[in-house]
Amino acid sequence: MEFFAVYVSMLVLYVVVDFIWITLFMQPYFTANLGHLLRESVGISFLITYGSIFFVFYVLGLYWFGVRAGVGSNSALVATLSGGFLGFLAYGTYGLTNYIFFKGYPLSITLLDITWGSVLGGAVSLCGYLIFLRFFYQN
């Protein structure tokens, strides 16, 4: 039960914060720099279907490598840094792959994505750790 509650809380937090980031900040930047590659319209069902594949497994990784590391060491810093490092790896893999293989892919988007993934991964892992401590930690 504790895993499910913490995981679902982390998943909701991740999806809401990432949605706000993408729609308010990144979408205009993507349009200005990569508009010729963007789909003209993306239906909500398309986003839910394909986005959820990443979200479900990525947040599971944040729980496994971030929250569990923090709980095991009794350290919010370990949870944050472990989740941030996973974010760095995941978003770095995506961003650097795009930068390497797509002609004209902006370095600024690559660096912004890697930074965002690191910050979001660390923050969501920290929140998961704090939720675990608040509701499920037993001395």
N, C-alpha and C. Protein backbone atom coordinates (compact mmCIF):
# COMPACT_ATOMS: atom_id res chain seq x y z
N MET A 1 0.82 -1.20 0.00
CA MET A 1 0.00 0.00 0.00
C MET A 1 0.86 1.26 0.00
N GLU A 2 1.93 1.26 0.79
CA GLU A 2 2.75 2.46 0.86
C GLU A 2 3.40 2.77 -0.48
N PHE A 3 3.87 1.74 -1.18
CA PHE A 3 4.47 1.96 -2.49
C PHE A 3 3.47 2.61 -3.42
N PHE A 4 2.26 2.06 -3.49
CA PHE A 4 1.25 2.56 -4.40
C PHE A 4 0.91 4.02 -4.10
N ALA A 5 0.73 4.36 -2.84
CA ALA A 5 0.36 5.73 -2.46
C ALA A 5 1.48 6.71 -2.82
N VAL A 6 2.70 6.36 -2.49
CA VAL A 6 3.83 7.25 -2.79
C VAL A 6 4.01 7.37 -4.30
N TYR A 7 3.96 6.24 -4.99
CA TYR A 7 4.16 6.23 -6.44
C TYR A 7 3.09 7.07 -7.16
N VAL A 8 1.84 6.87 -6.81
CA VAL A 8 0.77 7.62 -7.48
C VAL A 8 0.90 9.12 -7.19
N SER A 9 1.27 9.47 -5.97
CA SER A 9 1.49 10.88 -5.63
C SER A 9 2.61 11.47 -6.49
N MET A 10 3.69 10.72 -6.63
CA MET A 10 4.81 11.17 -7.45
C MET A 10 4.41 11.29 -8.92
N LEU A 11 3.65 10.33 -9.41
CA LEU A 11 3.22 10.33 -10.80
C LEU A 11 2.35 11.55 -11.10
N VAL A 12 1.39 11.82 -10.23
CA VAL A 12 0.51 12.98 -10.43
C VAL A 12 1.33 14.26 -10.40
N LEU A 13 2.22 14.39 -9.43
CA LEU A 13 3.06 15.57 -9.33
C LEU A 13 3.91 15.75 -10.58
N TYR A 14 4.55 14.69 -11.02
CA TYR A 14 5.41 14.75 -12.20
C TYR A 14 4.62 15.19 -13.43
N VAL A 15 3.49 14.56 -13.67
CA VAL A 15 2.70 14.86 -14.87
C VAL A 15 2.21 16.30 -14.84
N VAL A 16 1.70 16.76 -13.71
CA VAL A 16 1.18 18.13 -13.63
C VAL A 16 2.29 19.15 -13.83
N VAL A 17 3.41 18.99 -13.13
CA VAL A 17 4.50 19.96 -13.23
C VAL A 17 5.11 19.93 -14.63
N ASP A 18 5.33 18.74 -15.20
CA ASP A 18 5.91 18.66 -16.53
C ASP A 18 4.97 19.22 -17.59
N PHE A 19 3.67 19.00 -17.43
CA PHE A 19 2.69 19.55 -18.36
C PHE A 19 2.74 21.08 -18.34
N ILE A 20 2.79 21.66 -17.15
CA ILE A 20 2.88 23.12 -17.03
C ILE A 20 4.16 23.63 -17.67
N TRP A 21 5.27 22.96 -17.40
CA TRP A 21 6.56 23.36 -17.97
C TRP A 21 6.52 23.31 -19.50
N ILE A 22 6.02 22.21 -20.03
CA ILE A 22 6.00 22.05 -21.48
C ILE A 22 5.08 23.06 -22.15
N THR A 23 3.87 23.23 -21.62
CA THR A 23 2.90 24.11 -22.28
C THR A 23 3.22 25.58 -22.11
N LEU A 24 3.69 25.99 -20.94
CA LEU A 24 3.94 27.42 -20.72
C LEU A 24 5.32 27.87 -21.17
N PHE A 25 6.31 27.02 -21.02
CA PHE A 25 7.68 27.46 -21.28
C PHE A 25 8.30 26.84 -22.53
N MET A 26 8.17 25.56 -22.68
CA MET A 26 8.89 24.89 -23.76
C MET A 26 8.16 24.93 -25.11
N GLN A 27 6.86 24.88 -25.11
CA GLN A 27 6.13 24.88 -26.38
C GLN A 27 6.47 26.08 -27.24
N PRO A 28 6.46 27.30 -26.70
CA PRO A 28 6.85 28.44 -27.54
C PRO A 28 8.31 28.34 -28.02
N TYR A 29 9.18 27.83 -27.18
CA TYR A 29 10.59 27.68 -27.56
C TYR A 29 10.74 26.61 -28.64
N PHE A 30 10.02 25.50 -28.48
CA PHE A 30 10.04 24.45 -29.51
C PHE A 30 9.51 24.99 -30.83
N THR A 31 8.42 25.72 -30.77
CA THR A 31 7.81 26.25 -31.99
C THR A 31 8.78 27.19 -32.71
N ALA A 32 9.44 28.04 -31.96
CA ALA A 32 10.37 29.00 -32.57
C ALA A 32 11.60 28.31 -33.16
N ASN A 33 12.07 27.25 -32.53
CA ASN A 33 13.32 26.62 -32.95
C ASN A 33 13.15 25.34 -33.76
N LEU A 34 12.05 24.66 -33.55
CA LEU A 34 11.84 23.36 -34.21
C LEU A 34 10.47 23.27 -34.86
N GLY A 35 9.88 24.40 -35.17
CA GLY A 35 8.53 24.42 -35.71
C GLY A 35 8.33 23.55 -36.93
N HIS A 36 9.34 23.45 -37.78
CA HIS A 36 9.23 22.64 -38.99
C HIS A 36 9.16 21.14 -38.69
N LEU A 37 9.53 20.73 -37.48
CA LEU A 37 9.48 19.31 -37.11
C LEU A 37 8.24 18.94 -36.31
N LEU A 38 7.53 19.94 -35.79
CA LEU A 38 6.40 19.68 -34.90
C LEU A 38 5.15 19.26 -35.67
N ARG A 39 4.36 18.41 -35.05
CA ARG A 39 3.06 18.03 -35.62
C ARG A 39 2.16 19.26 -35.59
N GLU A 40 1.26 19.35 -36.57
CA GLU A 40 0.36 20.50 -36.60
C GLU A 40 -0.58 20.49 -35.41
N SER A 41 -1.05 19.33 -35.06
CA SER A 41 -1.89 19.22 -33.86
C SER A 41 -1.66 17.85 -33.24
N VAL A 42 -1.72 17.85 -31.94
CA VAL A 42 -1.54 16.60 -31.20
C VAL A 42 -2.77 16.43 -30.32
N GLY A 43 -3.50 15.35 -30.55
CA GLY A 43 -4.68 15.09 -29.76
C GLY A 43 -4.32 14.64 -28.36
N ILE A 44 -5.22 14.90 -27.45
CA ILE A 44 -4.99 14.53 -26.05
C ILE A 44 -4.82 13.02 -25.89
N SER A 45 -5.55 12.24 -26.69
CA SER A 45 -5.42 10.78 -26.59
C SER A 45 -4.03 10.33 -27.04
N PHE A 46 -3.47 11.00 -28.04
CA PHE A 46 -2.11 10.70 -28.49
C PHE A 46 -1.11 10.98 -27.36
N LEU A 47 -1.26 12.15 -26.74
CA LEU A 47 -0.36 12.52 -25.64
C LEU A 47 -0.48 11.55 -24.47
N ILE A 48 -1.70 11.22 -24.11
CA ILE A 48 -1.91 10.31 -22.97
C ILE A 48 -1.32 8.94 -23.27
N THR A 49 -1.57 8.44 -24.45
CA THR A 49 -1.09 7.10 -24.80
C THR A 49 0.43 7.03 -24.80
N TYR A 50 1.06 7.89 -25.55
CA TYR A 50 2.51 7.79 -25.71
C TYR A 50 3.28 8.45 -24.57
N GLY A 51 2.73 9.50 -24.01
CA GLY A 51 3.38 10.12 -22.86
C GLY A 51 3.34 9.24 -21.64
N SER A 52 2.22 8.53 -21.46
CA SER A 52 2.09 7.70 -20.26
C SER A 52 3.08 6.54 -20.25
N ILE A 53 3.48 6.07 -21.42
CA ILE A 53 4.47 4.99 -21.46
C ILE A 53 5.75 5.46 -20.78
N PHE A 54 6.20 6.65 -21.12
CA PHE A 54 7.40 7.20 -20.48
C PHE A 54 7.13 7.52 -19.01
N PHE A 55 6.07 8.26 -18.74
CA PHE A 55 5.79 8.72 -17.37
C PHE A 55 5.72 7.57 -16.38
N VAL A 56 4.98 6.53 -16.71
CA VAL A 56 4.77 5.41 -15.79
C VAL A 56 6.11 4.76 -15.41
N PHE A 57 6.93 4.50 -16.40
CA PHE A 57 8.20 3.83 -16.11
C PHE A 57 9.24 4.78 -15.52
N TYR A 58 9.27 5.99 -15.97
CA TYR A 58 10.25 6.95 -15.46
C TYR A 58 10.00 7.25 -13.98
N VAL A 59 8.76 7.50 -13.62
CA VAL A 59 8.45 7.78 -12.21
C VAL A 59 8.69 6.54 -11.35
N LEU A 60 8.47 5.38 -11.90
CA LEU A 60 8.84 4.15 -11.19
C LEU A 60 10.34 4.14 -10.92
N GLY A 61 11.13 4.55 -11.90
CA GLY A 61 12.58 4.65 -11.70
C GLY A 61 12.94 5.68 -10.64
N LEU A 62 12.23 6.82 -10.63
CA LEU A 62 12.48 7.82 -9.59
C LEU A 62 12.17 7.27 -8.21
N TYR A 63 11.11 6.49 -8.11
CA TYR A 63 10.79 5.87 -6.81
C TYR A 63 11.89 4.88 -6.43
N TRP A 64 12.24 4.02 -7.36
CA TRP A 64 13.20 2.95 -7.07
C TRP A 64 14.59 3.50 -6.73
N PHE A 65 15.08 4.41 -7.57
CA PHE A 65 16.44 4.90 -7.40
C PHE A 65 16.55 6.15 -6.53
N GLY A 66 15.47 6.91 -6.42
CA GLY A 66 15.49 8.13 -5.62
C GLY A 66 14.94 7.94 -4.23
N VAL A 67 13.66 7.60 -4.15
CA VAL A 67 13.00 7.48 -2.84
C VAL A 67 13.62 6.36 -2.02
N ARG A 68 13.78 5.21 -2.62
CA ARG A 68 14.34 4.07 -1.86
C ARG A 68 15.76 4.35 -1.40
N ALA A 69 16.55 5.03 -2.21
CA ALA A 69 17.92 5.39 -1.79
C ALA A 69 17.87 6.36 -0.60
N GLY A 70 16.97 7.31 -0.67
CA GLY A 70 16.82 8.27 0.42
C GLY A 70 16.35 7.62 1.70
N VAL A 71 15.36 6.74 1.58
CA VAL A 71 14.85 6.04 2.77
C VAL A 71 15.93 5.13 3.35
N GLY A 72 16.64 4.43 2.47
CA GLY A 72 17.68 3.51 2.93
C GLY A 72 18.81 4.21 3.66
N SER A 73 19.10 5.44 3.29
CA SER A 73 20.18 6.19 3.93
C SER A 73 19.65 7.23 4.91
N ASN A 74 18.33 7.30 5.02
CA ASN A 74 17.66 8.29 5.89
C ASN A 74 18.12 9.71 5.54
N SER A 75 18.09 10.01 4.23
CA SER A 75 18.62 11.29 3.78
C SER A 75 17.79 11.87 2.64
N ALA A 76 17.26 13.07 2.88
CA ALA A 76 16.53 13.78 1.83
C ALA A 76 17.49 14.18 0.71
N LEU A 77 18.73 14.49 1.07
CA LEU A 77 19.72 14.88 0.07
C LEU A 77 20.02 13.71 -0.88
N VAL A 78 20.15 12.52 -0.33
CA VAL A 78 20.41 11.34 -1.18
C VAL A 78 19.22 11.10 -2.11
N ALA A 79 18.00 11.23 -1.60
CA ALA A 79 16.81 11.05 -2.45
C ALA A 79 16.82 12.07 -3.58
N THR A 80 17.11 13.32 -3.25
CA THR A 80 17.10 14.40 -4.24
C THR A 80 18.19 14.21 -5.29
N LEU A 81 19.41 13.95 -4.83
CA LEU A 81 20.52 13.79 -5.77
C LEU A 81 20.38 12.53 -6.62
N SER A 82 19.87 11.46 -6.04
CA SER A 82 19.68 10.22 -6.80
C SER A 82 18.62 10.40 -7.88
N GLY A 83 17.51 11.03 -7.52
CA GLY A 83 16.47 11.32 -8.52
C GLY A 83 16.95 12.30 -9.56
N GLY A 84 17.72 13.30 -9.13
CA GLY A 84 18.27 14.27 -10.07
C GLY A 84 19.24 13.64 -11.04
N PHE A 85 20.03 12.68 -10.54
CA PHE A 85 20.98 12.00 -11.43
C PHE A 85 20.24 11.13 -12.45
N LEU A 86 19.18 10.46 -12.02
CA LEU A 86 18.40 9.68 -12.98
C LEU A 86 17.78 10.61 -14.02
N GLY A 87 17.30 11.78 -13.59
CA GLY A 87 16.77 12.77 -14.54
C GLY A 87 17.83 13.24 -15.51
N PHE A 88 19.03 13.46 -15.01
CA PHE A 88 20.16 13.85 -15.85
C PHE A 88 20.43 12.77 -16.90
N LEU A 89 20.44 11.52 -16.49
CA LEU A 89 20.70 10.43 -17.43
C LEU A 89 19.58 10.28 -18.47
N ALA A 90 18.33 10.30 -18.02
CA ALA A 90 17.21 10.10 -18.93
C ALA A 90 17.08 11.25 -19.92
N TYR A 91 17.03 12.46 -19.42
CA TYR A 91 16.86 13.61 -20.29
C TYR A 91 18.13 13.88 -21.09
N GLY A 92 19.28 13.56 -20.51
CA GLY A 92 20.54 13.70 -21.23
C GLY A 92 20.62 12.76 -22.42
N THR A 93 20.16 11.54 -22.22
CA THR A 93 20.16 10.57 -23.32
C THR A 93 19.29 11.08 -24.46
N TYR A 94 18.11 11.55 -24.13
CA TYR A 94 17.19 12.07 -25.14
C TYR A 94 17.77 13.31 -25.83
N GLY A 95 18.17 14.28 -25.01
CA GLY A 95 18.64 15.54 -25.57
C GLY A 95 19.91 15.41 -26.39
N LEU A 96 20.86 14.67 -25.89
CA LEU A 96 22.12 14.51 -26.63
C LEU A 96 21.93 13.68 -27.90
N THR A 97 21.05 12.69 -27.84
CA THR A 97 20.77 11.92 -29.05
C THR A 97 20.18 12.82 -30.13
N ASN A 98 19.22 13.66 -29.75
CA ASN A 98 18.66 14.61 -30.72
C ASN A 98 19.71 15.55 -31.26
N TYR A 99 20.54 16.07 -30.38
CA TYR A 99 21.58 17.02 -30.79
C TYR A 99 22.59 16.37 -31.74
N ILE A 100 22.92 15.13 -31.48
CA ILE A 100 23.90 14.43 -32.31
C ILE A 100 23.34 14.08 -33.69
N PHE A 101 22.10 13.62 -33.75
CA PHE A 101 21.57 13.08 -35.00
C PHE A 101 20.73 14.03 -35.84
N PHE A 102 20.18 15.08 -35.25
CA PHE A 102 19.33 15.98 -36.03
C PHE A 102 20.07 17.27 -36.35
N LYS A 103 20.26 17.49 -37.62
CA LYS A 103 20.94 18.69 -38.09
C LYS A 103 20.14 19.91 -37.65
N GLY A 104 20.83 20.85 -37.04
CA GLY A 104 20.17 22.08 -36.63
C GLY A 104 19.45 22.00 -35.29
N TYR A 105 19.56 20.86 -34.61
CA TYR A 105 18.92 20.78 -33.30
C TYR A 105 19.68 21.68 -32.34
N PRO A 106 18.99 22.62 -31.71
CA PRO A 106 19.69 23.63 -30.91
C PRO A 106 20.32 23.06 -29.63
N LEU A 107 21.55 23.45 -29.40
CA LEU A 107 22.23 23.06 -28.17
C LEU A 107 21.51 23.62 -26.95
N SER A 108 20.91 24.80 -27.11
CA SER A 108 20.20 25.41 -25.99
C SER A 108 19.03 24.54 -25.52
N ILE A 109 18.31 23.92 -26.44
CA ILE A 109 17.21 23.02 -26.05
C ILE A 109 17.78 21.79 -25.37
N THR A 110 18.88 21.27 -25.87
CA THR A 110 19.52 20.11 -25.26
C THR A 110 19.89 20.40 -23.82
N LEU A 111 20.56 21.51 -23.59
CA LEU A 111 21.00 21.86 -22.24
C LEU A 111 19.83 22.18 -21.32
N LEU A 112 18.81 22.83 -21.87
CA LEU A 112 17.62 23.14 -21.08
C LEU A 112 16.89 21.86 -20.68
N ASP A 113 16.76 20.92 -21.60
CA ASP A 113 16.12 19.64 -21.29
C ASP A 113 16.88 18.87 -20.22
N ILE A 114 18.19 18.82 -20.33
CA ILE A 114 18.99 18.09 -19.35
C ILE A 114 18.86 18.73 -17.97
N THR A 115 18.90 20.05 -17.94
CA THR A 115 18.74 20.75 -16.66
C THR A 115 17.35 20.51 -16.08
N TRP A 116 16.34 20.60 -16.93
CA TRP A 116 14.97 20.38 -16.46
C TRP A 116 14.80 18.95 -15.94
N GLY A 117 15.29 17.98 -16.65
CA GLY A 117 15.17 16.60 -16.20
C GLY A 117 15.85 16.36 -14.87
N SER A 118 16.99 16.99 -14.66
CA SER A 118 17.72 16.86 -13.40
C SER A 118 16.94 17.49 -12.25
N VAL A 119 16.45 18.70 -12.48
CA VAL A 119 15.70 19.41 -11.44
C VAL A 119 14.39 18.70 -11.12
N LEU A 120 13.64 18.34 -12.15
CA LEU A 120 12.36 17.68 -11.93
C LEU A 120 12.53 16.32 -11.29
N GLY A 121 13.50 15.54 -11.75
CA GLY A 121 13.75 14.23 -11.15
C GLY A 121 14.11 14.34 -9.68
N GLY A 122 14.96 15.31 -9.35
CA GLY A 122 15.33 15.52 -7.95
C GLY A 122 14.17 15.99 -7.10
N ALA A 123 13.39 16.91 -7.63
CA ALA A 123 12.25 17.45 -6.87
C ALA A 123 11.17 16.40 -6.63
N VAL A 124 10.85 15.62 -7.65
CA VAL A 124 9.82 14.60 -7.50
C VAL A 124 10.29 13.49 -6.55
N SER A 125 11.56 13.14 -6.62
CA SER A 125 12.10 12.14 -5.69
C SER A 125 12.07 12.66 -4.26
N LEU A 126 12.43 13.93 -4.07
CA LEU A 126 12.37 14.52 -2.74
C LEU A 126 10.95 14.50 -2.21
N CYS A 127 9.99 14.87 -3.04
CA CYS A 127 8.58 14.86 -2.61
C CYS A 127 8.14 13.44 -2.24
N GLY A 128 8.52 12.46 -3.06
CA GLY A 128 8.18 11.08 -2.74
C GLY A 128 8.79 10.64 -1.42
N TYR A 129 10.04 11.03 -1.19
CA TYR A 129 10.72 10.72 0.07
C TYR A 129 9.98 11.35 1.25
N LEU A 130 9.60 12.63 1.12
CA LEU A 130 8.91 13.32 2.20
C LEU A 130 7.52 12.73 2.45
N ILE A 131 6.83 12.34 1.40
CA ILE A 131 5.53 11.68 1.57
C ILE A 131 5.71 10.36 2.31
N PHE A 132 6.71 9.59 1.92
CA PHE A 132 6.98 8.34 2.61
C PHE A 132 7.25 8.59 4.09
N LEU A 133 8.11 9.55 4.40
CA LEU A 133 8.42 9.83 5.81
C LEU A 133 7.19 10.28 6.59
N ARG A 134 6.40 11.13 5.98
CA ARG A 134 5.23 11.69 6.67
C ARG A 134 4.17 10.63 6.97
N PHE A 135 3.92 9.73 6.04
CA PHE A 135 2.79 8.83 6.17
C PHE A 135 3.14 7.38 6.47
N PHE A 136 4.36 6.95 6.18
CA PHE A 136 4.65 5.52 6.26
C PHE A 136 5.89 5.16 7.08
N TYR A 137 6.68 6.14 7.46
CA TYR A 137 7.90 5.85 8.20
C TYR A 137 7.56 5.42 9.61
N GLN A 138 8.18 4.36 10.06
CA GLN A 138 7.96 3.87 11.43
C GLN A 138 9.31 3.72 12.12
N ASN A 139 9.43 4.31 13.29
CA ASN A 139 10.69 4.19 14.07
C ASN A 139 10.85 2.81 14.63
